[in-house]
Amino acid sequence: MHNNFFFRFFPYFLILLAIAGRFFPHPANATPIAAVAIFSGLYLRRRLGIIVPLAAMLLSDTIIGFYSLPIMLSVYGSFASVGLAGAWTRKHKNVFTIGTVTISSSALFFLVTNWAVWQFGAMYAHTFAGLMESYAAGLPFWRSMLAGDVVYTTLLVGSYELVMRAHTIRARVAQKAG
């Protein structure tokens, strides 16, 4: 990423965006956290792909409230994995891989966190049927998370790519003119 003032503070902007997304009215689980993780992994230094979404979660959870540690670790671990997937995408960046990572990240989050709710919570019987009940109950949340992840990732990555392409075109025009 570029070394100017704007880009040095861009991770903080992403953290604030992710936090705000958890507080503004939204369908359940349709927040920009996963999109911020993908974006951070894709465009920021590798460790920031993990730090940015986890910082946003931790800061917002201090206000929203903490919950069961094993379940919380599954949520945070899922978002850290999403940041790593974004970093992997950096070397394979195209619309298909970004879309695949976005959808896969939503699925991973759904599978891991619903498993954790079943495993460590008391809402479902600790049987295969209880696990399936947990997944069935989580489907509406996953649908809205998936939609949010696709929209937010498209907006973040798409906007960034458009701005960078416009900047490149302007630089080429200025170079030819100068």
Protein backbone atom coordinates (compact mmCIF):
# COMPACT_ATOMS: atom_id res chain seq x y z
CA MET A 1 0.00 0.00 0.00
CA HIS A 2 1.16 3.55 -0.62
CA ASN A 3 3.17 5.28 2.06
CA ASN A 4 1.39 8.64 2.22
CA PHE A 5 -0.57 10.04 5.14
CA PHE A 6 -3.95 8.73 3.93
CA PHE A 7 -2.81 5.15 3.60
CA ARG A 8 -0.98 5.13 6.92
CA PHE A 9 -4.26 5.87 8.64
CA PHE A 10 -6.43 3.71 6.40
CA PRO A 11 -6.36 0.72 8.81
CA TYR A 12 -7.91 2.94 11.49
CA PHE A 13 -10.62 3.99 9.05
CA LEU A 14 -11.35 0.31 8.36
CA ILE A 15 -11.57 -0.43 12.08
CA LEU A 16 -14.00 2.47 12.55
CA LEU A 17 -16.04 1.32 9.55
CA ALA A 18 -16.28 -2.21 10.93
CA ILE A 19 -17.23 -0.95 14.40
CA ALA A 20 -19.86 1.43 12.99
CA GLY A 21 -21.29 -1.42 10.95
CA ARG A 22 -21.96 -3.36 14.13
CA PHE A 23 -23.83 -0.44 15.71
CA PHE A 24 -25.89 0.94 12.84
CA PRO A 25 -29.19 -0.84 12.22
CA HIS A 26 -28.63 -3.89 10.03
CA PRO A 27 -30.04 -7.35 9.38
CA ALA A 28 -28.56 -9.90 11.79
CA ASN A 29 -24.90 -10.62 10.98
CA ALA A 30 -24.87 -8.29 7.93
CA THR A 31 -21.89 -6.22 9.05
CA PRO A 32 -18.71 -5.19 7.23
CA ILE A 33 -16.35 -7.17 9.51
CA ALA A 34 -15.61 -10.00 7.04
CA ALA A 35 -15.29 -7.55 4.14
CA VAL A 36 -12.85 -5.47 6.19
CA ALA A 37 -10.89 -8.66 6.96
CA ILE A 38 -10.77 -9.63 3.27
CA PHE A 39 -9.83 -6.09 2.23
CA SER A 40 -7.16 -5.80 4.94
CA GLY A 41 -5.62 -9.13 3.99
CA LEU A 42 -5.73 -8.20 0.33
CA TYR A 43 -4.24 -4.69 0.48
CA LEU A 44 -2.57 -4.08 3.84
CA ARG A 45 0.53 -5.66 5.35
CA ARG A 46 -0.12 -9.30 6.15
CA ARG A 47 -0.48 -8.99 9.91
CA LEU A 48 -2.98 -6.14 9.52
CA GLY A 49 -5.29 -8.54 7.70
CA ILE A 50 -5.71 -10.25 11.06
CA ILE A 51 -5.25 -7.29 13.42
CA VAL A 52 -7.75 -4.90 11.80
CA PRO A 53 -10.88 -7.11 12.00
CA LEU A 54 -9.94 -8.45 15.44
CA ALA A 55 -9.35 -4.91 16.76
CA ALA A 56 -12.77 -3.90 15.41
CA MET A 57 -14.40 -6.90 17.09
CA LEU A 58 -12.61 -6.39 20.40
CA LEU A 59 -13.33 -2.65 20.56
CA SER A 60 -16.99 -3.08 19.66
CA ASP A 61 -17.39 -6.08 21.99
CA THR A 62 -16.19 -3.92 24.89
CA ILE A 63 -19.35 -1.86 24.29
CA ILE A 64 -21.76 -4.56 23.10
CA GLY A 65 -20.60 -7.03 25.73
CA PHE A 66 -18.49 -10.14 25.85
CA TYR A 67 -19.97 -13.63 25.76
CA SER A 68 -18.93 -17.24 26.16
CA LEU A 69 -15.15 -17.42 25.70
CA PRO A 70 -15.11 -20.57 23.53
CA ILE A 71 -17.80 -19.15 21.25
CA MET A 72 -16.07 -15.79 21.15
CA LEU A 73 -12.80 -17.49 20.19
CA SER A 74 -14.60 -19.25 17.33
CA VAL A 75 -15.91 -15.90 16.07
CA TYR A 76 -12.53 -14.17 16.37
CA GLY A 77 -10.71 -17.18 14.90
CA SER A 78 -13.09 -17.20 11.95
CA PHE A 79 -12.42 -13.53 11.21
CA ALA A 80 -8.65 -14.08 11.56
CA SER A 81 -8.98 -16.89 9.00
CA VAL A 82 -10.90 -14.54 6.70
CA GLY A 83 -8.02 -12.05 6.92
CA LEU A 84 -5.57 -14.82 6.02
CA ALA A 85 -7.77 -15.79 3.08
CA GLY A 86 -7.66 -12.17 1.95
CA ALA A 87 -3.85 -12.28 2.14
CA TRP A 88 -3.82 -15.46 0.04
CA THR A 89 -6.06 -13.75 -2.50
CA ARG A 90 -3.45 -11.01 -2.96
CA LYS A 91 -1.37 -13.37 -5.12
CA HIS A 92 -4.41 -14.64 -7.02
CA LYS A 93 -6.41 -11.42 -7.24
CA ASN A 94 -9.28 -11.40 -9.70
CA VAL A 95 -13.06 -11.14 -9.47
CA PHE A 96 -13.48 -14.92 -9.28
CA THR A 97 -11.04 -15.50 -6.42
CA ILE A 98 -12.29 -12.51 -4.43
CA GLY A 99 -15.88 -13.73 -4.89
CA THR A 100 -14.91 -17.28 -3.95
CA VAL A 101 -13.06 -16.10 -0.83
CA THR A 102 -16.02 -13.93 0.15
CA ILE A 103 -18.55 -16.77 -0.15
CA SER A 104 -16.18 -19.32 1.42
CA SER A 105 -15.48 -16.98 4.33
CA SER A 106 -19.18 -16.60 5.04
CA ALA A 107 -19.59 -20.39 4.90
CA LEU A 108 -16.58 -20.93 7.17
CA PHE A 109 -17.92 -18.44 9.71
CA PHE A 110 -21.35 -20.13 9.64
CA LEU A 111 -19.96 -23.65 10.06
CA VAL A 112 -17.42 -22.80 12.77
CA THR A 113 -19.56 -20.50 14.91
CA ASN A 114 -22.70 -22.63 14.76
CA TRP A 115 -20.62 -25.66 15.67
CA ALA A 116 -19.21 -23.70 18.64
CA VAL A 117 -22.70 -22.66 19.79
CA TRP A 118 -23.73 -26.33 19.64
CA GLN A 119 -20.53 -27.63 21.27
CA PHE A 120 -20.13 -25.07 24.06
CA GLY A 121 -23.65 -23.80 24.59
CA ALA A 122 -26.72 -25.27 26.20
CA MET A 123 -29.27 -24.44 23.48
CA TYR A 124 -28.95 -27.70 21.55
CA ALA A 125 -28.61 -31.35 22.47
CA HIS A 126 -25.05 -32.57 22.09
CA THR A 127 -26.04 -35.03 19.41
CA PHE A 128 -25.81 -35.02 15.63
CA ALA A 129 -29.47 -33.98 15.52
CA GLY A 130 -28.66 -31.08 17.88
CA LEU A 131 -25.82 -29.99 15.62
CA MET A 132 -28.11 -30.07 12.59
CA GLU A 133 -30.70 -28.09 14.56
CA SER A 134 -28.03 -25.49 15.35
CA TYR A 135 -27.12 -25.21 11.67
CA ALA A 136 -30.79 -25.00 10.64
CA ALA A 137 -31.43 -22.24 13.19
CA GLY A 138 -28.39 -20.34 11.91
CA LEU A 139 -29.41 -20.36 8.23
CA PRO A 140 -31.32 -17.03 8.32
CA PHE A 141 -28.30 -15.38 9.95
CA TRP A 142 -25.97 -16.91 7.38
CA ARG A 143 -28.12 -15.69 4.49
CA SER A 144 -27.98 -12.11 5.72
CA MET A 145 -24.26 -12.38 6.54
CA LEU A 146 -23.54 -13.75 3.07
CA ALA A 147 -25.50 -10.93 1.44
CA GLY A 148 -23.73 -8.35 3.61
CA ASP A 149 -20.31 -9.86 2.93
CA VAL A 150 -20.90 -9.81 -0.83
CA VAL A 151 -22.18 -6.22 -0.79
CA TYR A 152 -19.52 -4.85 1.58
CA THR A 153 -16.65 -6.67 -0.11
CA THR A 154 -17.83 -5.50 -3.51
CA LEU A 155 -18.06 -1.91 -2.25
CA LEU A 156 -14.70 -1.91 -0.45
CA VAL A 157 -12.62 -3.79 -3.00
CA GLY A 158 -14.45 -2.34 -6.00
CA SER A 159 -14.11 1.24 -4.77
CA TYR A 160 -10.44 0.77 -3.97
CA GLU A 161 -9.70 -0.79 -7.37
CA LEU A 162 -11.58 2.00 -9.18
CA VAL A 163 -9.70 4.70 -7.28
CA MET A 164 -6.34 3.02 -7.90
CA ARG A 165 -7.08 2.59 -11.62
CA ALA A 166 -8.16 6.22 -11.92
CA HIS A 167 -4.96 7.26 -10.13
CA THR A 168 -2.86 5.13 -12.51
CA ILE A 169 -4.61 6.58 -15.56
CA ARG A 170 -4.11 10.14 -14.27
CA ALA A 171 -0.43 9.43 -13.62
CA ARG A 172 0.05 8.05 -17.16
CA VAL A 173 -1.72 11.04 -18.70
CA ALA A 174 0.38 13.44 -16.63
CA GLN A 175 3.55 11.57 -17.58
CA LYS A 176 2.71 11.78 -21.30
CA ALA A 177 1.82 15.45 -20.99
CA GLY A 178 4.89 16.34 -18.95
